[in-house]
């Protein structure tokens, strides 16, 4: 379990750096994250795959849903955000994925309101979301 947590933090940290710098995540990094996520899921001994497989599949589906929403709303959600959510959802299950998204969206909203209040951004300003996924994941780890 500790290896999975460290791996997830590393994936989100690397994604955050790329997202903040250029609002683009290289395809190679996303492919590496998918492979690493699959390996971390496979070696996680805390999961009873025969009994609880659906919890993790639904976690992946949440990320795929974000990907589809972003596709149909003209890029309001970046593809990398959906892919990263799917990877993490497959590792932490749907309940924690929903908690992760709730934490991330709340943190992004507070940050956005702050930027608007100090006149550094407008309502239409796009902000990188993966750093907030990292923050949301760290909030989950603190609460465990």
N, C-alpha and C. Protein backbone atom coordinates (compact mmCIF):
# COMPACT_ATOMS: atom_id res chain seq x y z
N UNK A 1 0.83 -1.20 0.00
CA UNK A 1 0.00 0.00 0.00
C UNK A 1 0.87 1.26 0.00
N UNK A 2 1.97 1.21 0.74
CA UNK A 2 2.85 2.39 0.80
C UNK A 2 3.46 2.67 -0.57
N UNK A 3 3.84 1.62 -1.29
CA UNK A 3 4.40 1.78 -2.64
C UNK A 3 3.38 2.45 -3.56
N UNK A 4 2.13 2.06 -3.44
CA UNK A 4 1.06 2.65 -4.25
C UNK A 4 0.89 4.13 -3.92
N UNK A 5 0.93 4.47 -2.66
CA UNK A 5 0.78 5.88 -2.26
C UNK A 5 1.93 6.73 -2.78
N UNK A 6 3.15 6.22 -2.62
CA UNK A 6 4.32 6.95 -3.10
C UNK A 6 4.27 7.10 -4.62
N UNK A 7 3.92 6.03 -5.31
CA UNK A 7 3.82 6.08 -6.77
C UNK A 7 2.77 7.08 -7.23
N UNK A 8 1.64 7.11 -6.55
CA UNK A 8 0.57 8.04 -6.91
C UNK A 8 1.01 9.48 -6.70
N UNK A 9 1.67 9.75 -5.58
CA UNK A 9 2.15 11.11 -5.32
C UNK A 9 3.19 11.50 -6.37
N UNK A 10 4.06 10.57 -6.75
CA UNK A 10 5.07 10.87 -7.77
C UNK A 10 4.41 11.17 -9.12
N UNK A 11 3.41 10.37 -9.50
CA UNK A 11 2.71 10.60 -10.78
C UNK A 11 2.04 11.97 -10.78
N UNK A 12 1.34 12.28 -9.69
CA UNK A 12 0.63 13.55 -9.61
C UNK A 12 1.59 14.74 -9.53
N UNK A 13 2.72 14.55 -8.86
CA UNK A 13 3.70 15.64 -8.77
C UNK A 13 4.29 15.94 -10.15
N UNK A 14 4.69 14.90 -10.87
CA UNK A 14 5.23 15.11 -12.22
C UNK A 14 4.18 15.75 -13.13
N UNK A 15 2.95 15.26 -13.06
CA UNK A 15 1.87 15.85 -13.85
C UNK A 15 1.61 17.29 -13.48
N UNK A 16 1.69 17.59 -12.19
CA UNK A 16 1.47 18.97 -11.71
C UNK A 16 2.51 19.92 -12.26
N UNK A 17 3.76 19.48 -12.26
CA UNK A 17 4.84 20.33 -12.76
C UNK A 17 4.60 20.67 -14.24
N UNK A 18 4.29 19.64 -15.03
CA UNK A 18 4.02 19.88 -16.46
C UNK A 18 2.78 20.74 -16.65
N UNK A 19 1.74 20.48 -15.85
CA UNK A 19 0.48 21.21 -15.99
C UNK A 19 0.67 22.69 -15.65
N UNK A 20 1.43 22.97 -14.61
CA UNK A 20 1.66 24.36 -14.19
C UNK A 20 2.53 25.08 -15.22
N UNK A 21 3.57 24.42 -15.68
CA UNK A 21 4.50 25.06 -16.63
C UNK A 21 3.88 25.36 -17.97
N UNK A 22 3.13 24.41 -18.54
CA UNK A 22 2.67 24.64 -19.90
C UNK A 22 1.25 24.22 -20.17
N UNK A 23 0.53 23.82 -19.12
CA UNK A 23 -0.86 23.36 -19.26
C UNK A 23 -0.99 22.23 -20.27
N UNK A 24 0.09 21.46 -20.42
CA UNK A 24 0.09 20.29 -21.31
C UNK A 24 0.91 19.20 -20.64
N UNK A 25 0.40 17.99 -20.71
CA UNK A 25 1.10 16.84 -20.17
C UNK A 25 1.58 16.01 -21.37
N UNK A 26 2.87 15.70 -21.45
CA UNK A 26 3.35 14.90 -22.58
C UNK A 26 2.67 13.52 -22.62
N UNK A 27 2.38 13.06 -23.82
CA UNK A 27 1.74 11.75 -23.98
C UNK A 27 2.60 10.65 -23.36
N UNK A 28 3.91 10.77 -23.47
CA UNK A 28 4.80 9.76 -22.89
C UNK A 28 4.64 9.65 -21.39
N UNK A 29 4.46 10.78 -20.72
CA UNK A 29 4.26 10.76 -19.27
C UNK A 29 2.94 10.09 -18.92
N UNK A 30 1.91 10.37 -19.68
CA UNK A 30 0.61 9.74 -19.43
C UNK A 30 0.68 8.23 -19.67
N UNK A 31 1.38 7.82 -20.71
CA UNK A 31 1.53 6.38 -20.97
C UNK A 31 2.31 5.73 -19.84
N UNK A 32 3.37 6.38 -19.38
CA UNK A 32 4.14 5.87 -18.25
C UNK A 32 3.27 5.77 -17.00
N UNK A 33 2.42 6.77 -16.78
CA UNK A 33 1.52 6.75 -15.63
C UNK A 33 0.51 5.61 -15.72
N UNK A 34 -0.01 5.37 -16.92
CA UNK A 34 -0.96 4.25 -17.10
C UNK A 34 -0.26 2.93 -16.78
N UNK A 35 0.95 2.74 -17.30
CA UNK A 35 1.69 1.50 -17.02
C UNK A 35 2.02 1.36 -15.54
N UNK A 36 2.51 2.44 -14.94
CA UNK A 36 2.85 2.40 -13.51
C UNK A 36 1.61 2.16 -12.67
N UNK A 37 0.49 2.80 -13.04
CA UNK A 37 -0.75 2.59 -12.30
C UNK A 37 -1.21 1.14 -12.38
N UNK A 38 -1.09 0.55 -13.57
CA UNK A 38 -1.47 -0.85 -13.72
C UNK A 38 -0.60 -1.77 -12.88
N UNK A 39 0.69 -1.51 -12.88
CA UNK A 39 1.61 -2.32 -12.07
C UNK A 39 1.31 -2.15 -10.59
N UNK A 40 1.10 -0.91 -10.15
CA UNK A 40 0.80 -0.66 -8.73
C UNK A 40 -0.52 -1.31 -8.32
N UNK A 41 -1.49 -1.33 -9.22
CA UNK A 41 -2.75 -2.02 -8.92
C UNK A 41 -2.52 -3.52 -8.79
N UNK A 42 -1.71 -4.07 -9.68
CA UNK A 42 -1.48 -5.51 -9.70
C UNK A 42 -0.74 -6.01 -8.47
N UNK A 43 0.17 -5.19 -7.95
CA UNK A 43 0.97 -5.64 -6.79
C UNK A 43 0.35 -5.26 -5.45
N UNK A 44 -0.76 -4.54 -5.47
CA UNK A 44 -1.41 -4.14 -4.23
C UNK A 44 -2.08 -5.35 -3.58
N UNK A 45 -1.53 -5.79 -2.50
CA UNK A 45 -2.04 -6.99 -1.82
C UNK A 45 -3.25 -6.69 -0.92
N UNK A 46 -3.59 -5.42 -0.76
CA UNK A 46 -4.73 -5.05 0.08
C UNK A 46 -6.05 -5.19 -0.66
N UNK A 47 -6.00 -5.47 -1.95
CA UNK A 47 -7.21 -5.56 -2.76
C UNK A 47 -7.57 -7.02 -2.97
N UNK A 48 -8.80 -7.38 -2.65
CA UNK A 48 -9.32 -8.70 -2.97
C UNK A 48 -10.02 -8.59 -4.33
N UNK A 49 -9.26 -8.86 -5.40
CA UNK A 49 -9.75 -8.62 -6.75
C UNK A 49 -11.00 -9.43 -7.08
N UNK A 50 -11.13 -10.62 -6.52
CA UNK A 50 -12.31 -11.43 -6.82
C UNK A 50 -13.57 -10.85 -6.21
N UNK A 51 -13.42 -10.20 -5.08
CA UNK A 51 -14.59 -9.66 -4.39
C UNK A 51 -14.85 -8.18 -4.70
N UNK A 52 -13.80 -7.39 -4.81
CA UNK A 52 -13.95 -5.93 -4.87
C UNK A 52 -13.55 -5.32 -6.21
N UNK A 53 -13.45 -6.09 -7.26
CA UNK A 53 -12.97 -5.58 -8.55
C UNK A 53 -13.79 -4.40 -9.06
N UNK A 54 -15.09 -4.43 -8.82
CA UNK A 54 -15.97 -3.38 -9.36
C UNK A 54 -15.69 -2.01 -8.75
N UNK A 55 -15.19 -1.96 -7.51
CA UNK A 55 -14.88 -0.68 -6.87
C UNK A 55 -13.83 0.08 -7.67
N UNK A 56 -12.87 -0.65 -8.20
CA UNK A 56 -11.76 -0.04 -8.93
C UNK A 56 -12.14 0.23 -10.39
N UNK A 57 -12.95 -0.64 -10.95
CA UNK A 57 -13.44 -0.40 -12.32
C UNK A 57 -14.29 0.87 -12.35
N UNK A 58 -15.14 1.05 -11.36
CA UNK A 58 -15.97 2.26 -11.31
C UNK A 58 -15.07 3.49 -11.09
N UNK A 59 -13.99 3.34 -10.33
CA UNK A 59 -13.04 4.44 -10.17
C UNK A 59 -12.44 4.85 -11.50
N UNK A 60 -12.12 3.87 -12.33
CA UNK A 60 -11.60 4.16 -13.67
C UNK A 60 -12.69 4.83 -14.52
N UNK A 61 -13.91 4.35 -14.41
CA UNK A 61 -15.01 4.91 -15.19
C UNK A 61 -15.29 6.37 -14.85
N UNK A 62 -15.04 6.76 -13.60
CA UNK A 62 -15.21 8.17 -13.22
C UNK A 62 -14.24 9.04 -14.02
N UNK A 63 -13.00 8.60 -14.15
CA UNK A 63 -12.04 9.34 -14.96
C UNK A 63 -12.43 9.38 -16.42
N UNK A 64 -12.94 8.26 -16.94
CA UNK A 64 -13.38 8.21 -18.33
C UNK A 64 -14.57 9.16 -18.53
N UNK A 65 -15.45 9.24 -17.54
CA UNK A 65 -16.57 10.18 -17.61
C UNK A 65 -16.07 11.62 -17.69
N UNK A 66 -15.06 11.96 -16.88
CA UNK A 66 -14.47 13.30 -16.97
C UNK A 66 -13.88 13.55 -18.35
N UNK A 67 -13.24 12.53 -18.90
CA UNK A 67 -12.67 12.64 -20.24
C UNK A 67 -13.76 12.94 -21.27
N UNK A 68 -14.88 12.25 -21.16
CA UNK A 68 -15.99 12.46 -22.09
C UNK A 68 -16.62 13.83 -21.90
N UNK A 69 -16.79 14.25 -20.66
CA UNK A 69 -17.35 15.58 -20.40
C UNK A 69 -16.46 16.64 -21.02
N UNK A 70 -15.15 16.51 -20.84
CA UNK A 70 -14.21 17.47 -21.42
C UNK A 70 -14.28 17.49 -22.93
N UNK A 71 -14.51 16.34 -23.52
CA UNK A 71 -14.61 16.23 -24.98
C UNK A 71 -15.85 16.94 -25.51
N UNK A 72 -16.97 16.79 -24.80
CA UNK A 72 -18.23 17.34 -25.28
C UNK A 72 -18.46 18.80 -24.87
N UNK A 73 -17.71 19.28 -23.90
CA UNK A 73 -17.92 20.68 -23.50
C UNK A 73 -16.84 21.59 -24.07
N UNK A 74 -16.13 21.11 -25.05
CA UNK A 74 -15.15 21.95 -25.73
C UNK A 74 -13.86 22.17 -24.96
N UNK A 75 -13.46 21.21 -24.16
CA UNK A 75 -12.19 21.32 -23.45
C UNK A 75 -12.29 21.96 -22.09
N UNK A 76 -13.49 22.02 -21.50
CA UNK A 76 -13.62 22.61 -20.17
C UNK A 76 -12.87 21.78 -19.12
N UNK A 77 -12.66 20.51 -19.41
CA UNK A 77 -11.85 19.63 -18.58
C UNK A 77 -10.80 19.04 -19.51
N UNK A 78 -9.55 19.16 -19.13
CA UNK A 78 -8.48 18.67 -19.98
C UNK A 78 -8.45 17.15 -20.05
N UNK A 79 -7.98 16.64 -21.17
CA UNK A 79 -7.90 15.19 -21.35
C UNK A 79 -6.97 14.57 -20.31
N UNK A 80 -5.87 15.24 -20.00
CA UNK A 80 -4.94 14.71 -19.01
C UNK A 80 -5.59 14.61 -17.63
N UNK A 81 -6.48 15.55 -17.32
CA UNK A 81 -7.18 15.50 -16.03
C UNK A 81 -8.03 14.24 -15.94
N UNK A 82 -8.75 13.93 -17.01
CA UNK A 82 -9.57 12.72 -17.04
C UNK A 82 -8.73 11.46 -16.98
N UNK A 83 -7.63 11.44 -17.74
CA UNK A 83 -6.76 10.26 -17.75
C UNK A 83 -6.14 10.04 -16.38
N UNK A 84 -5.63 11.10 -15.76
CA UNK A 84 -5.03 10.96 -14.43
C UNK A 84 -6.06 10.51 -13.40
N UNK A 85 -7.27 11.03 -13.51
CA UNK A 85 -8.33 10.62 -12.59
C UNK A 85 -8.66 9.14 -12.79
N UNK A 86 -8.68 8.68 -14.02
CA UNK A 86 -8.94 7.26 -14.29
C UNK A 86 -7.84 6.38 -13.72
N UNK A 87 -6.59 6.80 -13.88
CA UNK A 87 -5.47 6.02 -13.35
C UNK A 87 -5.58 5.92 -11.83
N UNK A 88 -5.79 7.06 -11.20
CA UNK A 88 -5.87 7.08 -9.74
C UNK A 88 -7.12 6.34 -9.27
N UNK A 89 -8.23 6.52 -9.99
CA UNK A 89 -9.47 5.83 -9.64
C UNK A 89 -9.31 4.33 -9.64
N UNK A 90 -8.49 3.82 -10.58
CA UNK A 90 -8.22 2.40 -10.61
C UNK A 90 -7.39 1.92 -9.44
N UNK A 91 -6.66 2.83 -8.82
CA UNK A 91 -5.82 2.44 -7.69
C UNK A 91 -6.49 2.65 -6.33
N UNK A 92 -7.40 3.62 -6.24
CA UNK A 92 -7.97 3.93 -4.92
C UNK A 92 -9.45 3.61 -4.81
N UNK A 93 -10.08 3.18 -5.89
CA UNK A 93 -11.49 2.84 -5.83
C UNK A 93 -12.39 4.06 -6.01
N UNK A 94 -13.65 3.78 -6.29
CA UNK A 94 -14.55 4.88 -6.65
C UNK A 94 -14.88 5.80 -5.48
N UNK A 95 -14.97 5.25 -4.26
CA UNK A 95 -15.34 6.11 -3.12
C UNK A 95 -14.26 7.16 -2.86
N UNK A 96 -13.01 6.72 -2.85
CA UNK A 96 -11.92 7.68 -2.65
C UNK A 96 -11.73 8.58 -3.86
N UNK A 97 -12.06 8.09 -5.05
CA UNK A 97 -11.97 8.93 -6.25
C UNK A 97 -12.97 10.08 -6.16
N UNK A 98 -14.17 9.78 -5.71
CA UNK A 98 -15.16 10.84 -5.53
C UNK A 98 -14.71 11.84 -4.47
N UNK A 99 -14.13 11.34 -3.39
CA UNK A 99 -13.61 12.21 -2.34
C UNK A 99 -12.45 13.05 -2.89
N UNK A 100 -11.58 12.44 -3.68
CA UNK A 100 -10.48 13.14 -4.31
C UNK A 100 -10.99 14.29 -5.17
N UNK A 101 -11.98 14.00 -6.01
CA UNK A 101 -12.52 15.04 -6.89
C UNK A 101 -13.19 16.15 -6.09
N UNK A 102 -13.91 15.78 -5.04
CA UNK A 102 -14.55 16.79 -4.21
C UNK A 102 -13.49 17.71 -3.60
N UNK A 103 -12.42 17.14 -3.05
CA UNK A 103 -11.34 17.93 -2.46
C UNK A 103 -10.68 18.82 -3.51
N UNK A 104 -10.40 18.24 -4.69
CA UNK A 104 -9.71 18.98 -5.74
C UNK A 104 -10.56 20.13 -6.28
N UNK A 105 -11.83 19.87 -6.50
CA UNK A 105 -12.72 20.92 -7.03
C UNK A 105 -12.89 22.04 -6.00
N UNK A 106 -13.03 21.68 -4.73
CA UNK A 106 -13.16 22.70 -3.68
C UNK A 106 -11.90 23.55 -3.60
N UNK A 107 -10.73 22.92 -3.62
CA UNK A 107 -9.47 23.66 -3.55
C UNK A 107 -9.30 24.55 -4.78
N UNK A 108 -9.63 24.03 -5.96
CA UNK A 108 -9.53 24.83 -7.19
C UNK A 108 -10.48 26.01 -7.14
N UNK A 109 -11.67 25.82 -6.60
CA UNK A 109 -12.65 26.91 -6.49
C UNK A 109 -12.14 28.00 -5.56
N UNK A 110 -11.61 27.61 -4.41
CA UNK A 110 -11.09 28.60 -3.46
C UNK A 110 -9.92 29.36 -4.08
N UNK A 111 -9.04 28.64 -4.74
CA UNK A 111 -7.90 29.28 -5.41
C UNK A 111 -8.37 30.24 -6.50
N UNK A 112 -9.34 29.81 -7.29
CA UNK A 112 -9.87 30.65 -8.37
C UNK A 112 -10.53 31.91 -7.83
N UNK A 113 -11.30 31.77 -6.79
CA UNK A 113 -11.94 32.93 -6.17
C UNK A 113 -10.89 33.91 -5.66
N UNK A 114 -9.83 33.37 -5.06
CA UNK A 114 -8.74 34.23 -4.59
C UNK A 114 -8.10 34.98 -5.76
N UNK A 115 -7.81 34.27 -6.85
CA UNK A 115 -7.20 34.93 -8.02
C UNK A 115 -8.12 36.00 -8.59
N UNK A 116 -9.40 35.73 -8.64
CA UNK A 116 -10.36 36.72 -9.14
C UNK A 116 -10.42 37.93 -8.21
N UNK A 117 -10.39 37.67 -6.90
CA UNK A 117 -10.48 38.75 -5.91
C UNK A 117 -9.28 39.69 -5.99
N UNK A 118 -8.10 39.13 -6.27
CA UNK A 118 -6.92 40.00 -6.36
C UNK A 118 -6.65 40.45 -7.80
N UNK A 119 -7.62 40.19 -8.66
CA UNK A 119 -7.61 40.63 -10.06
C UNK A 119 -6.42 40.07 -10.86
N UNK A 120 -6.04 38.84 -10.56
CA UNK A 120 -5.01 38.14 -11.33
C UNK A 120 -5.62 37.19 -12.36
N UNK A 121 -6.94 37.02 -12.30
CA UNK A 121 -7.62 36.13 -13.24
C UNK A 121 -9.06 36.59 -13.39
N UNK A 122 -9.70 36.06 -14.45
CA UNK A 122 -11.12 36.31 -14.68
C UNK A 122 -11.85 34.98 -14.65
N UNK A 123 -13.16 35.02 -14.72
CA UNK A 123 -13.95 33.78 -14.69
C UNK A 123 -13.55 32.81 -15.79
N UNK A 124 -13.16 33.33 -16.93
CA UNK A 124 -12.84 32.49 -18.08
C UNK A 124 -11.42 31.94 -18.04
N UNK A 125 -10.60 32.38 -17.10
CA UNK A 125 -9.21 31.96 -17.03
C UNK A 125 -9.12 30.47 -16.70
N UNK A 126 -8.36 29.75 -17.51
CA UNK A 126 -8.14 28.32 -17.26
C UNK A 126 -7.00 28.17 -16.26
N UNK A 127 -7.19 27.26 -15.32
CA UNK A 127 -6.13 26.96 -14.35
C UNK A 127 -5.77 25.48 -14.47
N UNK A 128 -4.52 25.13 -14.16
CA UNK A 128 -4.14 23.72 -14.19
C UNK A 128 -4.86 22.97 -13.06
N UNK A 129 -5.39 21.78 -13.37
CA UNK A 129 -6.19 21.06 -12.38
C UNK A 129 -5.42 19.93 -11.69
N UNK A 130 -4.40 19.39 -12.34
CA UNK A 130 -3.67 18.27 -11.74
C UNK A 130 -3.03 18.64 -10.40
N UNK A 131 -2.51 19.88 -10.22
CA UNK A 131 -2.01 20.22 -8.88
C UNK A 131 -3.10 20.10 -7.80
N UNK A 132 -4.34 20.37 -8.17
CA UNK A 132 -5.42 20.24 -7.21
C UNK A 132 -5.79 18.77 -6.97
N UNK A 133 -5.59 17.93 -8.00
CA UNK A 133 -5.74 16.48 -7.78
C UNK A 133 -4.70 16.00 -6.78
N UNK A 134 -3.47 16.50 -6.92
CA UNK A 134 -2.41 16.16 -5.96
C UNK A 134 -2.80 16.61 -4.56
N UNK A 135 -3.26 17.84 -4.43
CA UNK A 135 -3.68 18.35 -3.13
C UNK A 135 -4.83 17.52 -2.56
N UNK A 136 -5.80 17.18 -3.39
CA UNK A 136 -6.93 16.35 -2.95
C UNK A 136 -6.47 14.98 -2.50
N UNK A 137 -5.49 14.40 -3.21
CA UNK A 137 -4.97 13.09 -2.82
C UNK A 137 -4.23 13.18 -1.49
N UNK A 138 -3.44 14.23 -1.32
CA UNK A 138 -2.72 14.41 -0.04
C UNK A 138 -3.71 14.60 1.11
N UNK A 139 -4.81 15.27 0.86
CA UNK A 139 -5.85 15.44 1.90
C UNK A 139 -6.43 14.08 2.29
N UNK A 140 -6.60 13.19 1.31
CA UNK A 140 -7.10 11.83 1.61
C UNK A 140 -6.07 11.08 2.45
N UNK A 141 -4.79 11.19 2.08
CA UNK A 141 -3.74 10.49 2.83
C UNK A 141 -3.65 10.97 4.27
N UNK A 142 -3.85 12.25 4.47
CA UNK A 142 -3.80 12.81 5.82
C UNK A 142 -4.96 12.27 6.67
N UNK A 143 -6.10 12.08 6.04
CA UNK A 143 -7.28 11.64 6.79
C UNK A 143 -7.28 10.14 7.09
N UNK A 144 -6.39 9.39 6.43
CA UNK A 144 -6.35 7.92 6.67
C UNK A 144 -5.68 7.62 7.97
